[in-house]
Amino acid sequence: MKSSLIGRLADPVLHTSLALENPEMDGDDVISGKLDNQQGTQYVIKNGIPRFVLTEDAGQIQTSDAFGFKWKKRDTYGSPGARQVTTKWYLEKYGFNSQEEWTGFFNTRAAILDVGCGSGFSASLWLDTPQWSGSAMWVGADISEAVDVALDHLGHLPNTHFAQADALALPFHDGSFDTVFSEGVLHHTPSTRQALLSSSRVLAKGGQFHFYVYRLKGPVREFTDDYIRRQIAPLSDEDAWDALRPLTRMAQSLAELKTTVTLQEEIPLLKIPAGEHDIQRLLYWYFGKMYWNEALSFEENVHVNFDWYRPRYAHRQTAEEVRAWCDEANLSIHWFHEGEAGYTVRATKN
């Protein structure tokens, strides 16, 4: 942990300042030590990362473990193909014309909090580029041990910082950041609404909040997804990963058919629009998530399906709910992208 982060840190419950005790230093980096809230609670710094997770919620612990497991499987994400596909998708949904424009936005900020940074993969799409200046402080916070992977991936980049923390109990002072970024994370907590409100608390007035959350799907897709979640819930993470391989192979086989079906009219009962549909995408969007993208390796495709089905918490929202929560958080929306998978928002704190 760089010593420059200490002033932004606060007790995750009381939001009061913390004092550094018994630090082991390596230059400007705090390798180990404790952070004391001066009321009897201490938080350890281990392997250069302050640790603040207090939750006893069983669903959140399972979700955290699942993400820690998948992000440690480093050969299942991050290939050039995956980076290209993901960057294109992010640019579209966040409303930027190019990777350079996207990185340029973050270069104009002073302090960025990445809520639920995981292994740092999403942020790496602009952090780990020649365009990143390092002038802004970037803080990656994640509830799982994936934050250690993020440190390994991104710790060599200028002005990067890390904390193991719960999105519902962020260990930062009010208004500490002029930018909050949270890609596909808020819905993996006990309450998407509470996670949004918690993240907004640490955003300064006039600051921007960029986030993506899942969208409520059609009835058959919702039923199938929840059924598969229940079936793999008793399994270990490794066995759940293996159980999703046949599903991924089916998705691959369907995609390789390169066959379309034309629906002459909308099917409102199943929320399926009229028009021409690739057969794999038709099943994917309306009958069960069976992801396949030929630009990714087989294990990268399994990773995407595991990401969807394994976490206990994977809430889906309506557009009306997301807009109402932003109003409650005192956020003015200036970009609202409605994709088939979810909603992407850029909003400013009033």
Foldseek 3Di string as FASTA:
>chain_A
DFPVCQVFFAQLPPLAHWDWADFDDDVRATQWTWTHNVPPDIWIRHRRATERDDDPPPLLVQQQVLLLVLLVVVVQDDDPLRLVVVLVVCCVQQVHPDLLRVLVVVQPWAEEEEEACQLVSVVCSNQVDPNHPLNHAYEYEHQHPSQVNNCVVRVVGHRYHYYHDDLLRGRGHFQQTLEYEYEAPLQLDPDSLSSVLSRLRNHHAQGKYKYKAFADAFDQAVVQLVVLLVVCAVPDSVVNLVVCLVLLVVLVVLVVVQDKDAAPQADVNQRRGGGIDRPSVVCCLGHYNRDDDPSGDSSNSSSVVSNRRHRSGRDHDHPVVVVVSCVVSQWAWPHWDDDSTTIITMTGHD
